[in-house]
């Protein structure tokens, strides 16, 4: 018998009065990044998890690595030629 894969249930996240400034910043950054608020929260959650697993790496390096991985998946990667300066 095969298991049927179902989509995960939505999770509600509540922000209280003490987080109102953080919520405003999240909304502004989501808009600037052309993301929904939900997508922005997921993005920051993913970054936070990767950063927690790699405390020795600066956040900008983590973002660059994740961006590079997505570019490579999209077929934009080029092999590096050692010793060749262009």
N, C-alpha and C. Protein backbone atom coordinates (compact mmCIF):
# COMPACT_ATOMS: atom_id res chain seq x y z
N UNK A 1 0.84 -1.18 0.00
CA UNK A 1 0.00 0.00 0.00
C UNK A 1 0.89 1.25 0.00
N UNK A 2 0.64 2.16 -0.94
CA UNK A 2 1.43 3.40 -1.04
C UNK A 2 0.82 4.48 -0.17
N UNK A 3 1.71 5.24 0.46
CA UNK A 3 1.24 6.39 1.24
C UNK A 3 0.98 7.55 0.30
N UNK A 4 -0.08 8.26 0.55
CA UNK A 4 -0.42 9.44 -0.24
C UNK A 4 0.20 10.65 0.45
N UNK A 5 1.00 11.40 -0.30
CA UNK A 5 1.65 12.59 0.26
C UNK A 5 0.63 13.73 0.27
N UNK A 6 0.50 14.36 1.41
CA UNK A 6 -0.40 15.51 1.52
C UNK A 6 0.41 16.76 1.82
N UNK A 7 -0.15 17.87 1.46
CA UNK A 7 0.53 19.15 1.73
C UNK A 7 0.53 19.41 3.23
N UNK A 8 1.58 20.03 3.74
CA UNK A 8 1.61 20.34 5.16
C UNK A 8 0.53 21.36 5.52
N UNK A 9 0.03 21.25 6.71
CA UNK A 9 -1.01 22.18 7.17
C UNK A 9 -0.41 23.57 7.40
N UNK A 10 -1.15 24.61 7.11
CA UNK A 10 -0.65 25.97 7.37
C UNK A 10 -0.40 26.18 8.86
N UNK A 11 0.56 27.03 9.15
CA UNK A 11 0.90 27.36 10.53
C UNK A 11 0.65 28.84 10.74
N UNK A 12 -0.07 29.15 11.78
CA UNK A 12 -0.36 30.55 12.09
C UNK A 12 0.72 31.09 13.03
N UNK A 13 1.21 32.28 12.72
CA UNK A 13 2.19 32.94 13.57
C UNK A 13 1.58 34.25 14.04
N UNK A 14 1.57 34.45 15.34
CA UNK A 14 0.96 35.65 15.90
C UNK A 14 2.04 36.60 16.41
N UNK A 15 1.84 37.88 16.14
CA UNK A 15 2.73 38.92 16.61
C UNK A 15 1.96 39.75 17.63
N UNK A 16 2.53 39.92 18.81
CA UNK A 16 1.89 40.73 19.84
C UNK A 16 2.29 42.19 19.71
N UNK A 17 1.79 42.98 20.63
CA UNK A 17 2.08 44.43 20.61
C UNK A 17 3.58 44.70 20.71
N UNK A 18 4.28 43.87 21.48
CA UNK A 18 5.72 44.11 21.66
C UNK A 18 6.52 43.82 20.37
N UNK A 19 5.92 43.10 19.43
CA UNK A 19 6.60 42.83 18.16
C UNK A 19 6.07 43.68 17.01
N UNK A 20 5.31 44.71 17.31
CA UNK A 20 4.71 45.51 16.24
C UNK A 20 5.75 46.17 15.35
N UNK A 21 6.85 46.63 15.93
CA UNK A 21 7.92 47.23 15.12
C UNK A 21 8.55 46.19 14.21
N UNK A 22 8.80 45.00 14.75
CA UNK A 22 9.39 43.94 13.94
C UNK A 22 8.45 43.57 12.79
N UNK A 23 7.16 43.53 13.05
CA UNK A 23 6.19 43.21 12.01
C UNK A 23 6.18 44.27 10.91
N UNK A 24 6.28 45.54 11.29
CA UNK A 24 6.34 46.61 10.29
C UNK A 24 7.59 46.49 9.43
N UNK A 25 8.71 46.16 10.07
CA UNK A 25 9.96 45.97 9.32
C UNK A 25 9.83 44.79 8.38
N UNK A 26 9.24 43.69 8.86
CA UNK A 26 9.04 42.51 8.01
C UNK A 26 8.19 42.85 6.78
N UNK A 27 7.12 43.60 7.00
CA UNK A 27 6.25 43.99 5.88
C UNK A 27 7.01 44.86 4.87
N UNK A 28 7.79 45.79 5.38
CA UNK A 28 8.56 46.68 4.50
C UNK A 28 9.59 45.90 3.70
N UNK A 29 10.29 44.99 4.36
CA UNK A 29 11.31 44.20 3.66
C UNK A 29 10.68 43.22 2.68
N UNK A 30 9.52 42.69 3.03
CA UNK A 30 8.81 41.80 2.10
C UNK A 30 8.44 42.56 0.84
N UNK A 31 7.93 43.76 1.01
CA UNK A 31 7.54 44.58 -0.14
C UNK A 31 8.77 44.93 -0.99
N UNK A 32 9.85 45.30 -0.34
CA UNK A 32 11.08 45.65 -1.07
C UNK A 32 11.66 44.45 -1.83
N UNK A 33 11.44 43.25 -1.32
CA UNK A 33 11.96 42.03 -1.95
C UNK A 33 10.96 41.38 -2.88
N UNK A 34 9.80 42.03 -3.08
CA UNK A 34 8.74 41.49 -3.93
C UNK A 34 8.29 40.12 -3.44
N UNK A 35 8.14 40.01 -2.12
CA UNK A 35 7.65 38.78 -1.49
C UNK A 35 6.40 39.12 -0.69
N UNK A 36 5.61 38.08 -0.42
CA UNK A 36 4.50 38.25 0.51
C UNK A 36 5.10 38.23 1.92
N UNK A 37 4.31 38.65 2.90
CA UNK A 37 4.78 38.59 4.28
C UNK A 37 5.12 37.15 4.66
N UNK A 38 4.29 36.22 4.25
CA UNK A 38 4.53 34.81 4.55
C UNK A 38 5.85 34.33 3.92
N UNK A 39 6.10 34.71 2.68
CA UNK A 39 7.34 34.32 2.01
C UNK A 39 8.55 34.92 2.71
N UNK A 40 8.43 36.17 3.19
CA UNK A 40 9.54 36.82 3.88
C UNK A 40 9.84 36.11 5.20
N UNK A 41 8.80 35.73 5.93
CA UNK A 41 8.99 35.00 7.19
C UNK A 41 9.66 33.65 6.92
N UNK A 42 9.23 32.96 5.86
CA UNK A 42 9.86 31.68 5.49
C UNK A 42 11.32 31.88 5.12
N UNK A 43 11.61 32.95 4.37
CA UNK A 43 12.99 33.25 3.96
C UNK A 43 13.88 33.47 5.18
N UNK A 44 13.41 34.31 6.11
CA UNK A 44 14.19 34.58 7.31
C UNK A 44 14.32 33.34 8.19
N UNK A 45 13.30 32.50 8.23
CA UNK A 45 13.37 31.26 8.99
C UNK A 45 14.44 30.35 8.40
N UNK A 46 14.45 30.25 7.07
CA UNK A 46 15.47 29.41 6.41
C UNK A 46 16.87 29.96 6.68
N UNK A 47 17.05 31.27 6.53
CA UNK A 47 18.36 31.87 6.81
C UNK A 47 18.78 31.61 8.25
N UNK A 48 17.85 31.78 9.18
CA UNK A 48 18.16 31.56 10.59
C UNK A 48 18.58 30.13 10.88
N UNK A 49 17.92 29.17 10.24
CA UNK A 49 18.28 27.77 10.44
C UNK A 49 19.68 27.47 9.89
N UNK A 50 19.96 28.00 8.69
CA UNK A 50 21.29 27.79 8.10
C UNK A 50 22.36 28.47 8.95
N UNK A 51 22.07 29.69 9.43
CA UNK A 51 23.03 30.42 10.27
C UNK A 51 23.27 29.69 11.59
N UNK A 52 22.22 29.11 12.17
CA UNK A 52 22.38 28.36 13.42
C UNK A 52 23.25 27.12 13.21
N UNK A 53 23.13 26.50 12.04
CA UNK A 53 23.94 25.33 11.72
C UNK A 53 25.38 25.69 11.35
N UNK A 54 25.62 26.96 11.00
CA UNK A 54 26.95 27.42 10.57
C UNK A 54 27.31 28.73 11.28
N UNK A 55 27.50 28.69 12.60
CA UNK A 55 27.72 29.93 13.35
C UNK A 55 29.00 30.67 13.00
N UNK A 56 29.92 29.99 12.32
CA UNK A 56 31.18 30.62 11.96
C UNK A 56 31.11 31.41 10.65
N UNK A 57 29.98 31.33 9.93
CA UNK A 57 29.86 32.02 8.65
C UNK A 57 29.05 33.30 8.81
N UNK A 58 29.51 34.40 8.20
CA UNK A 58 28.70 35.63 8.23
C UNK A 58 27.44 35.47 7.38
N UNK A 59 26.40 36.18 7.77
CA UNK A 59 25.12 36.08 7.08
C UNK A 59 25.24 36.42 5.59
N UNK A 60 26.05 37.40 5.26
CA UNK A 60 26.20 37.78 3.85
C UNK A 60 26.79 36.63 3.04
N UNK A 61 27.70 35.85 3.63
CA UNK A 61 28.28 34.71 2.93
C UNK A 61 27.22 33.62 2.74
N UNK A 62 26.42 33.38 3.77
CA UNK A 62 25.34 32.39 3.67
C UNK A 62 24.37 32.77 2.56
N UNK A 63 23.97 34.04 2.51
CA UNK A 63 23.07 34.51 1.46
C UNK A 63 23.69 34.32 0.08
N UNK A 64 24.97 34.62 -0.04
CA UNK A 64 25.67 34.45 -1.32
C UNK A 64 25.73 33.00 -1.76
N UNK A 65 25.97 32.10 -0.81
CA UNK A 65 26.01 30.67 -1.12
C UNK A 65 24.64 30.19 -1.58
N UNK A 66 23.59 30.58 -0.85
CA UNK A 66 22.23 30.16 -1.23
C UNK A 66 21.85 30.72 -2.61
N UNK A 67 22.22 31.96 -2.87
CA UNK A 67 21.95 32.57 -4.17
C UNK A 67 22.70 31.83 -5.27
N UNK A 68 23.96 31.52 -5.03
CA UNK A 68 24.77 30.80 -6.00
C UNK A 68 24.22 29.42 -6.30
N UNK A 69 23.72 28.73 -5.27
CA UNK A 69 23.13 27.40 -5.48
C UNK A 69 21.91 27.48 -6.39
N UNK A 70 21.08 28.51 -6.18
CA UNK A 70 19.89 28.66 -7.02
C UNK A 70 20.26 29.04 -8.45
N UNK A 71 21.30 29.86 -8.61
CA UNK A 71 21.76 30.21 -9.95
C UNK A 71 22.29 28.97 -10.67
N UNK A 72 23.01 28.13 -9.94
CA UNK A 72 23.54 26.91 -10.53
C UNK A 72 22.40 25.98 -10.95
N UNK A 73 21.38 25.85 -10.10
CA UNK A 73 20.22 25.01 -10.44
C UNK A 73 19.50 25.55 -11.68
N UNK A 74 19.55 26.86 -11.88
CA UNK A 74 18.89 27.48 -13.04
C UNK A 74 19.75 27.41 -14.30
N UNK A 75 20.90 26.76 -14.21
CA UNK A 75 21.77 26.60 -15.37
C UNK A 75 22.68 27.78 -15.64
N UNK A 76 22.89 28.64 -14.66
CA UNK A 76 23.72 29.82 -14.86
C UNK A 76 25.16 29.64 -14.39
N UNK A 77 25.51 28.45 -13.91
CA UNK A 77 26.85 28.21 -13.39
C UNK A 77 27.85 27.98 -14.50
N UNK A 78 29.10 28.38 -14.25
CA UNK A 78 30.19 28.15 -15.18
C UNK A 78 31.32 27.48 -14.41
N UNK A 79 32.00 26.52 -15.00
CA UNK A 79 33.14 25.91 -14.30
C UNK A 79 34.26 26.93 -14.12
N UNK A 80 34.91 26.87 -12.99
CA UNK A 80 36.02 27.78 -12.71
C UNK A 80 37.29 27.21 -13.30
N UNK A 81 38.03 28.05 -14.04
CA UNK A 81 39.31 27.62 -14.63
C UNK A 81 40.43 28.15 -13.74
N UNK A 82 41.10 27.25 -13.06
CA UNK A 82 42.18 27.64 -12.16
C UNK A 82 43.32 28.29 -12.92
N UNK A 83 43.81 29.39 -12.38
CA UNK A 83 44.95 30.08 -12.96
C UNK A 83 44.62 30.99 -14.12
N UNK A 84 43.37 31.09 -14.50
CA UNK A 84 42.97 31.94 -15.64
C UNK A 84 42.32 33.20 -15.10
N UNK A 85 42.91 34.34 -15.43
CA UNK A 85 42.35 35.62 -15.00
C UNK A 85 41.81 36.33 -16.24
N UNK A 86 40.55 36.69 -16.17
CA UNK A 86 39.95 37.37 -17.32
C UNK A 86 39.66 38.80 -16.98
